[in-house]
Amino acid sequence: MRDFSRRGVLGLGFGAAAAVGIAGCGSPGKAEPGTPGPVKNPKPGGKPAAKVIGDGSTADTGPQPNQPDKPVPLQPGETPPQFVVFSWDGAGEIGNGLFPRFLKLAKDHGAAMTFFLSGIYLLPESKRSLYQPPNNPVGASDIGYLKDENVRSTLTYVREAWLDGHEIGTHFNGHFCGGSGSVGRWTPEDWQSEIDQAVSFVTNWRTHTGFADLEPLPFDYRKELAGARTPCLLGRDSLLPTAQRLGWRYDSSSPGGLQVWPVRRSGVWDLPLQSAPLFIGNHFEEWNGGIYMDAVEEALKGMADKRDVRLVSFRQFTDWLDVQDPKVLARLRGLGPGRAPAGGWSAYLTAA
C-alpha cells in the first residue's frame, strides 16, 4: 500500500498500481498542476435550486457540488499523479449500514466514489412485473428486490452521495450471469432495453413506490449517466456499440488485462477491473464476517493522505484523460505495470 506514495509506482491510477472500485473526489491538501484539486464548496445550505423532472423523482439542480477543479493537460516533464478509483456494484442499502459507512469515510478523507446503481433497487418487489429483462421471464432477477424500507434508504443515500460529489453510474438491473438469459448472450438491442429500463426505474421511483415524503434525486440521470459495469463482467463487446451510441464516456466491464494507462475502444474509455491487488471493485456485502469491508476502509485511509495519490471517480478520471495530449498518454502506455521511467519522469515526459 505504501508504494502508492511514490511517484515512480506508476504515474496513473490506471497504469501500474491503479484504481479501486470506489472513487474519491480528490485527496486533501494542495493539488499539483494538471490534477484534480480541492473540492469546491456546495451552495449555501447544501440544497441547490431544483427544476423538477417528470413525476418529481429527479430534478435538475445545476452543476454537481463538491467537484475538483477543471483538469488541465500535463505540462512537459510534469510527473503524473497516482489515481485511485473505488467503485461499488449494485449500490443498494440492504440494511447492513455499509452505504452510509463508506459515505462518511469518503467525506472524512476527501474522497469521492463511483456507485454503480442497480435500477431495480429503486423498484418495489410489488411492481416487479414492470421489469421485462431481455431473454428472461418478466420480473425475474438474480439479485432479488429490496424491501420497501431499503428502497427508501437507498434513495436517501444515493441522493446524499451525489450531493457529496460521488458519481452515480449503473450496474443495470437483474444481474443475469448464467444460462440462456445471461447478459453474456445479449445483443446491443438487449442492452438498450436494459438501460432504458434501468433509467426508467431511477427516474420514476416516485410513481412506482408511492413515496411522497422523500426529496427528488438531485440530478438528471440521463445526463449524469456516463458509464457502467456489467454483471459478472460479461457482455461487454455487445454493450460497447450501445454505450457509444448513448454518448457514454467509459466502460468498466473488462475482466482483465495489464494494468496500464487506458485506451478507447469503440470510442469509449476502457477502464478494466484488474486482477492487480490495488484495483478494488466492491459490493455492500459483509463477506468473511465483515473483514473484507474493514480492509477496504483501511486501504482507503492509507492512501488518502499520500501526496501523489488522487482519489477520483471514474467520471473524474475520464475528465482528466480527455484533456491530455494523446502523445503523452501513448508515452505513458509504454511503461509496464508498476514501472517508473528509468531516467525519471521529467525526461520521459519531456520527450513526449
Protein backbone atom coordinates (compact mmCIF):
# COMPACT_ATOMS: atom_id res chain seq x y z
CA MET A 1 0.00 0.00 0.00
CA ARG A 2 2.73 2.46 0.90
CA ASP A 3 4.08 2.25 -2.64
CA PHE A 4 1.16 4.46 -3.65
CA SER A 5 3.01 7.40 -2.17
CA ARG A 6 5.96 7.01 -4.53
CA ARG A 7 5.94 8.91 -7.78
CA GLY A 8 7.58 6.05 -9.61
CA VAL A 9 4.97 3.48 -8.74
CA LEU A 10 3.11 4.09 -11.95
CA GLY A 11 2.03 7.55 -12.52
CA LEU A 12 -1.62 6.92 -13.12
CA GLY A 13 -4.25 5.14 -11.14
CA PHE A 14 -4.82 3.02 -14.16
CA GLY A 15 -1.30 2.37 -15.06
CA ALA A 16 0.64 0.29 -12.78
CA ALA A 17 -0.89 0.42 -9.42
CA ALA A 18 -4.16 1.78 -10.08
CA ALA A 19 -7.77 2.00 -9.39
CA VAL A 20 -10.24 0.88 -6.85
CA GLY A 21 -13.89 0.13 -7.33
CA ILE A 22 -14.88 3.16 -5.30
CA ALA A 23 -13.83 6.60 -6.12
CA GLY A 24 -12.96 9.75 -4.37
CA CYS A 25 -13.14 13.36 -5.31
CA GLY A 26 -9.64 14.42 -4.54
CA SER A 27 -7.21 13.90 -1.74
CA PRO A 28 -6.92 16.51 0.99
CA GLY A 29 -4.22 19.09 0.63
CA LYS A 30 -2.83 21.07 -2.26
CA ALA A 31 -3.18 19.50 -5.68
CA GLU A 32 -0.37 19.61 -8.19
CA PRO A 33 -0.77 21.32 -11.59
CA GLY A 34 -2.87 19.40 -14.06
CA THR A 35 -4.55 17.24 -11.41
CA PRO A 36 -7.95 17.41 -9.74
CA GLY A 37 -7.70 19.92 -6.91
CA PRO A 38 -9.60 20.53 -3.68
CA VAL A 39 -13.35 20.17 -3.93
CA LYS A 40 -15.48 23.26 -4.23
CA ASN A 41 -17.92 24.17 -1.51
CA PRO A 42 -21.56 23.32 -2.13
CA LYS A 43 -24.15 26.03 -2.39
CA PRO A 44 -25.25 27.56 0.93
CA GLY A 45 -27.37 25.10 2.85
CA GLY A 46 -26.30 22.27 0.56
CA LYS A 47 -29.63 22.35 -1.30
CA PRO A 48 -29.37 23.59 -4.89
CA ALA A 49 -32.45 25.11 -6.52
CA ALA A 50 -34.36 22.32 -8.22
CA LYS A 51 -36.12 22.07 -11.57
CA VAL A 52 -38.35 19.06 -11.16
CA ILE A 53 -38.24 16.43 -13.93
CA GLY A 54 -41.14 14.16 -14.83
CA ASP A 55 -43.05 12.86 -11.82
CA GLY A 56 -40.64 14.51 -9.39
CA SER A 57 -38.41 11.50 -8.90
CA THR A 58 -35.44 13.54 -10.14
CA ALA A 59 -34.62 17.21 -10.51
CA ASP A 60 -32.09 19.34 -12.34
CA THR A 61 -30.28 21.21 -9.56
CA GLY A 62 -27.44 22.55 -11.67
CA PRO A 63 -23.76 21.58 -11.57
CA GLN A 64 -22.85 18.84 -9.13
CA PRO A 65 -21.40 20.15 -5.85
CA ASN A 66 -18.07 19.09 -4.39
CA GLN A 67 -16.21 18.57 -7.66
CA PRO A 68 -12.47 19.06 -8.20
CA ASP A 69 -11.17 21.92 -10.28
CA LYS A 70 -11.31 21.53 -14.04
CA PRO A 71 -8.42 19.29 -15.14
CA VAL A 72 -5.67 20.62 -17.41
CA PRO A 73 -3.09 18.83 -19.56
CA LEU A 74 0.16 17.63 -18.07
CA GLN A 75 2.98 20.02 -18.88
CA PRO A 76 6.24 18.80 -20.48
CA GLY A 77 8.23 16.91 -17.88
CA GLU A 78 5.48 17.07 -15.26
CA THR A 79 5.03 13.98 -13.11
CA PRO A 80 1.57 12.43 -13.44
CA PRO A 81 -0.33 11.67 -10.23
CA GLN A 82 -1.29 8.25 -8.94
CA PHE A 83 -5.03 7.99 -9.47
CA VAL A 84 -7.07 5.53 -7.41
CA VAL A 85 -10.71 4.72 -8.16
CA PHE A 86 -13.02 2.97 -5.71
CA SER A 87 -16.40 1.74 -7.07
CA TRP A 88 -19.40 -0.15 -5.70
CA ASP A 89 -21.53 -2.55 -7.76
CA GLY A 90 -25.27 -2.51 -7.05
CA ALA A 91 -25.05 0.36 -4.55
CA GLY A 92 -28.15 -0.55 -2.59
CA GLU A 93 -28.59 -0.13 1.16
CA ILE A 94 -29.73 -3.59 2.21
CA GLY A 95 -29.88 -2.83 5.93
CA ASN A 96 -26.28 -3.55 6.92
CA GLY A 97 -25.23 0.09 7.15
CA LEU A 98 -22.39 -0.19 4.65
CA PHE A 99 -23.63 2.53 2.29
CA PRO A 100 -23.67 5.28 4.96
CA ARG A 101 -20.46 3.90 6.49
CA PHE A 102 -18.49 4.44 3.29
CA LEU A 103 -20.15 7.77 2.54
CA LYS A 104 -18.86 9.00 5.89
CA LEU A 105 -15.43 7.50 5.27
CA ALA A 106 -15.20 9.26 1.92
CA LYS A 107 -16.26 12.58 3.42
CA ASP A 108 -13.75 12.25 6.25
CA HIS A 109 -10.89 11.69 3.79
CA GLY A 110 -11.79 13.93 0.87
CA ALA A 111 -12.68 11.01 -1.39
CA ALA A 112 -15.50 10.52 -3.87
CA MET A 113 -16.72 7.16 -5.10
CA THR A 114 -18.41 5.69 -8.15
CA PHE A 115 -21.68 3.97 -7.28
CA PHE A 116 -22.94 1.63 -10.00
CA LEU A 117 -26.63 1.67 -9.05
CA SER A 118 -28.80 -1.32 -9.95
CA GLY A 119 -32.05 0.12 -11.29
CA ILE A 120 -34.33 -2.46 -9.71
CA TYR A 121 -33.06 -1.41 -6.28
CA LEU A 122 -35.47 1.52 -6.68
CA LEU A 123 -38.36 -0.69 -7.82
CA PRO A 124 -40.59 -2.25 -5.14
CA GLU A 125 -40.99 -6.00 -5.44
CA SER A 126 -44.75 -5.48 -5.69
CA LYS A 127 -44.08 -3.77 -9.03
CA ARG A 128 -41.63 -6.34 -10.34
CA SER A 129 -43.85 -7.05 -13.37
CA LEU A 130 -42.74 -3.67 -14.72
CA TYR A 131 -39.32 -5.18 -15.36
CA GLN A 132 -39.05 -7.07 -18.64
CA PRO A 133 -35.47 -8.37 -18.76
CA PRO A 134 -34.14 -9.48 -22.14
CA ASN A 135 -34.31 -13.27 -22.64
CA ASN A 136 -35.68 -13.80 -19.12
CA PRO A 137 -39.17 -14.04 -17.61
CA VAL A 138 -40.98 -10.83 -16.70
CA GLY A 139 -39.95 -9.69 -13.23
CA ALA A 140 -37.03 -12.10 -12.99
CA SER A 141 -33.85 -11.02 -11.23
CA ASP A 142 -30.84 -12.94 -9.98
CA ILE A 143 -30.19 -10.37 -7.24
CA GLY A 144 -33.73 -10.05 -5.99
CA TYR A 145 -35.61 -6.91 -4.97
CA LEU A 146 -35.19 -4.74 -1.90
CA LYS A 147 -37.74 -4.37 0.86
CA ASP A 148 -39.64 -1.10 0.71
CA GLU A 149 -37.75 0.31 3.69
CA ASN A 150 -34.46 -0.50 1.98
CA VAL A 151 -35.62 1.19 -1.23
CA ARG A 152 -36.25 4.30 0.88
CA SER A 153 -32.80 4.09 2.44
CA THR A 154 -31.16 3.58 -0.95
CA LEU A 155 -32.89 6.70 -2.29
CA THR A 156 -31.69 8.68 0.71
CA TYR A 157 -28.08 7.59 0.34
CA VAL A 158 -27.95 7.91 -3.45
CA ARG A 159 -29.13 11.49 -3.05
CA GLU A 160 -26.53 12.14 -0.37
CA ALA A 161 -23.83 10.52 -2.48
CA TRP A 162 -24.42 12.80 -5.45
CA LEU A 163 -24.51 15.92 -3.29
CA ASP A 164 -21.23 14.82 -1.69
CA GLY A 165 -19.65 14.70 -5.15
CA HIS A 166 -19.79 10.98 -5.95
CA GLU A 167 -20.67 9.55 -9.34
CA ILE A 168 -23.86 7.57 -9.92
CA GLY A 169 -23.29 5.05 -12.72
CA THR A 170 -25.31 1.93 -13.50
CA HIS A 171 -25.00 -1.79 -12.81
CA PHE A 172 -28.11 -2.34 -14.94
CA ASN A 173 -30.91 -4.45 -13.36
CA GLY A 174 -31.33 -8.20 -12.99
CA HIS A 175 -27.68 -9.28 -12.87
CA PHE A 176 -28.09 -12.37 -15.05
CA CYS A 177 -24.81 -14.28 -15.28
CA GLY A 178 -25.76 -17.81 -16.30
CA GLY A 179 -27.96 -19.82 -18.61
CA SER A 180 -29.63 -18.79 -21.85
CA GLY A 181 -30.64 -15.43 -20.39
CA SER A 182 -27.12 -14.45 -19.37
CA VAL A 183 -26.02 -10.91 -20.20
CA GLY A 184 -23.09 -12.57 -21.95
CA ARG A 185 -25.54 -13.55 -24.70
CA TRP A 186 -27.27 -10.20 -25.04
CA THR A 187 -27.29 -8.16 -28.23
CA PRO A 188 -26.78 -4.38 -28.45
CA GLU A 189 -30.56 -4.10 -28.70
CA ASP A 190 -30.96 -6.13 -25.50
CA TRP A 191 -28.56 -3.79 -23.72
CA GLN A 192 -30.52 -0.77 -24.96
CA SER A 193 -33.69 -2.24 -23.48
CA GLU A 194 -31.96 -2.98 -20.18
CA ILE A 195 -30.52 0.53 -19.98
CA ASP A 196 -33.84 2.17 -20.83
CA GLN A 197 -35.49 0.20 -18.03
CA ALA A 198 -32.74 0.98 -15.52
CA VAL A 199 -33.08 4.69 -16.27
CA SER A 200 -36.87 4.43 -16.03
CA PHE A 201 -36.71 2.83 -12.58
CA VAL A 202 -34.43 5.60 -11.35
CA THR A 203 -36.44 8.43 -12.90
CA ASN A 204 -39.90 7.11 -11.94
CA TRP A 205 -39.34 5.79 -8.43
CA ARG A 206 -41.94 8.19 -7.01
CA THR A 207 -44.69 6.76 -9.21
CA HIS A 208 -43.58 3.18 -8.61
CA THR A 209 -43.13 3.45 -4.84
CA GLY A 210 -45.77 5.99 -3.92
CA PHE A 211 -43.25 7.64 -1.57
CA ALA A 212 -44.38 11.26 -1.35
CA ASP A 213 -42.26 12.39 1.59
CA LEU A 214 -38.79 11.98 0.04
CA GLU A 215 -37.00 14.68 -1.90
CA PRO A 216 -36.16 14.03 -5.55
CA LEU A 217 -32.78 12.74 -6.59
CA PRO A 218 -30.93 16.00 -7.36
CA PHE A 219 -29.73 15.15 -10.87
CA ASP A 220 -30.94 14.47 -14.39
CA TYR A 221 -29.92 10.82 -14.61
CA ARG A 222 -29.92 10.65 -18.40
CA LYS A 223 -27.38 13.47 -18.49
CA GLU A 224 -25.37 12.26 -15.49
CA LEU A 225 -25.01 8.65 -16.63
CA ALA A 226 -21.52 8.38 -18.13
CA GLY A 227 -20.54 4.75 -17.68
CA ALA A 228 -21.25 1.33 -16.27
CA ARG A 229 -20.04 -2.08 -15.15
CA THR A 230 -21.82 -5.17 -16.46
CA PRO A 231 -22.91 -8.04 -14.20
CA CYS A 232 -20.08 -10.54 -13.71
CA LEU A 233 -18.07 -8.54 -16.27
CA LEU A 234 -19.99 -10.27 -19.07
CA GLY A 235 -21.41 -8.97 -22.36
CA ARG A 236 -19.08 -6.03 -22.78
CA ASP A 237 -18.46 -6.45 -26.51
CA SER A 238 -22.17 -6.17 -27.28
CA LEU A 239 -22.63 -3.32 -24.81
CA LEU A 240 -19.97 -1.05 -26.32
CA PRO A 241 -21.87 -0.15 -29.53
CA THR A 242 -24.86 0.85 -27.40
CA ALA A 243 -22.68 2.76 -24.94
CA GLN A 244 -21.08 4.67 -27.81
CA ARG A 245 -24.47 5.49 -29.33
CA LEU A 246 -25.67 6.81 -25.96
CA GLY A 247 -22.61 9.02 -25.62
CA TRP A 248 -21.21 7.17 -22.61
CA ARG A 249 -17.63 8.07 -21.86
CA TYR A 250 -16.28 4.88 -20.29
CA ASP A 251 -16.95 1.25 -19.52
CA SER A 252 -15.54 -0.64 -16.55
CA SER A 253 -16.57 -4.16 -17.55
CA SER A 254 -13.41 -5.64 -18.99
CA PRO A 255 -12.35 -8.61 -16.84
CA GLY A 256 -8.61 -8.16 -17.11
CA GLY A 257 -5.54 -7.21 -19.00
CA LEU A 258 -2.35 -5.46 -17.93
CA GLN A 259 -2.87 -2.59 -15.55
CA VAL A 260 -1.52 0.15 -17.79
CA TRP A 261 -2.81 3.52 -18.93
CA PRO A 262 -6.15 3.05 -20.72
CA VAL A 263 -7.23 3.31 -24.34
CA ARG A 264 -10.56 3.91 -26.03
CA ARG A 265 -12.47 1.02 -27.54
CA SER A 266 -15.40 1.81 -29.82
CA GLY A 267 -14.97 5.43 -28.78
CA VAL A 268 -15.38 4.62 -25.07
CA TRP A 269 -12.57 4.62 -22.49
CA ASP A 270 -11.82 1.03 -21.48
CA LEU A 271 -11.30 1.01 -17.69
CA PRO A 272 -10.98 -2.68 -16.77
CA LEU A 273 -11.49 -4.30 -13.40
CA GLN A 274 -7.94 -5.50 -12.95
CA SER A 275 -6.53 -8.53 -11.17
CA ALA A 276 -3.80 -6.34 -9.73
CA PRO A 277 -4.25 -6.03 -5.91
CA LEU A 278 -4.89 -2.27 -5.87
CA PHE A 279 -7.89 -2.29 -8.19
CA ILE A 280 -10.79 -2.93 -5.86
CA GLY A 281 -14.38 -3.44 -7.02
CA ASN A 282 -16.82 -3.86 -4.17
CA HIS A 283 -20.35 -4.80 -3.16
CA PHE A 284 -22.05 -3.73 0.05
CA GLU A 285 -21.72 -7.23 1.50
CA GLU A 286 -20.28 -8.44 4.79
CA TRP A 287 -18.13 -11.20 3.36
CA ASN A 288 -15.80 -13.06 5.73
CA GLY A 289 -17.59 -11.66 8.71
CA GLY A 290 -17.05 -8.09 7.53
CA ILE A 291 -13.26 -8.38 7.46
CA TYR A 292 -13.21 -7.50 3.77
CA MET A 293 -15.04 -4.22 4.35
CA ASP A 294 -12.63 -3.38 7.16
CA ALA A 295 -9.74 -3.99 4.76
CA VAL A 296 -11.27 -1.69 2.14
CA GLU A 297 -11.66 1.03 4.76
CA GLU A 298 -8.07 0.70 5.95
CA ALA A 299 -6.82 0.73 2.35
CA LEU A 300 -8.61 3.99 1.62
CA LYS A 301 -7.34 5.58 4.82
CA GLY A 302 -3.80 4.54 3.98
CA MET A 303 -3.96 6.04 0.51
CA ALA A 304 -5.85 9.25 1.22
CA ASP A 305 -3.01 11.20 2.81
CA LYS A 306 -0.34 10.32 0.27
CA ARG A 307 1.00 13.36 -1.54
CA ASP A 308 0.85 11.94 -5.05
CA VAL A 309 -2.39 9.94 -4.76
CA ARG A 310 -5.62 11.30 -6.19
CA LEU A 311 -8.84 9.52 -5.17
CA VAL A 312 -11.27 10.14 -8.02
CA SER A 313 -14.40 8.67 -9.55
CA PHE A 314 -14.35 7.00 -12.94
CA ARG A 315 -16.01 10.05 -14.48
CA GLN A 316 -13.49 12.41 -12.90
CA PHE A 317 -10.65 10.22 -14.13
CA THR A 318 -12.20 10.28 -17.59
CA ASP A 319 -12.36 14.08 -17.39
CA TRP A 320 -8.59 14.07 -16.81
CA LEU A 321 -7.92 11.63 -19.66
CA ASP A 322 -9.99 13.68 -22.10
CA VAL A 323 -7.81 16.78 -21.77
CA GLN A 324 -4.44 15.05 -22.08
CA ASP A 325 -2.29 15.11 -25.19
CA PRO A 326 -2.75 11.71 -26.92
CA LYS A 327 1.02 11.59 -27.45
CA VAL A 328 1.58 11.89 -23.70
CA LEU A 329 -0.90 9.12 -22.96
CA ALA A 330 0.75 6.94 -25.59
CA ARG A 331 4.11 7.58 -23.95
CA LEU A 332 2.69 6.59 -20.57
CA ARG A 333 1.30 3.39 -22.05
CA GLY A 334 4.84 2.45 -22.96
CA LEU A 335 5.58 1.74 -19.30
CA GLY A 336 4.99 -1.71 -17.88
CA PRO A 337 2.80 -2.24 -14.82
CA GLY A 338 4.34 -0.73 -11.72
CA ARG A 339 7.35 0.70 -13.54
CA ALA A 340 8.73 4.22 -13.35
CA PRO A 341 10.82 5.55 -16.24
CA ALA A 342 14.50 4.74 -15.83
CA GLY A 343 15.62 8.31 -16.46
CA GLY A 344 12.94 9.92 -14.28
CA TRP A 345 9.55 11.34 -15.11
CA SER A 346 10.78 14.73 -16.24
CA ALA A 347 12.98 13.37 -19.01
CA TYR A 348 10.47 10.70 -20.01
CA LEU A 349 7.51 13.01 -20.48
CA THR A 350 9.50 15.90 -21.87
CA ALA A 351 10.38 13.57 -24.74
CA ALA A 352 6.65 13.13 -25.43
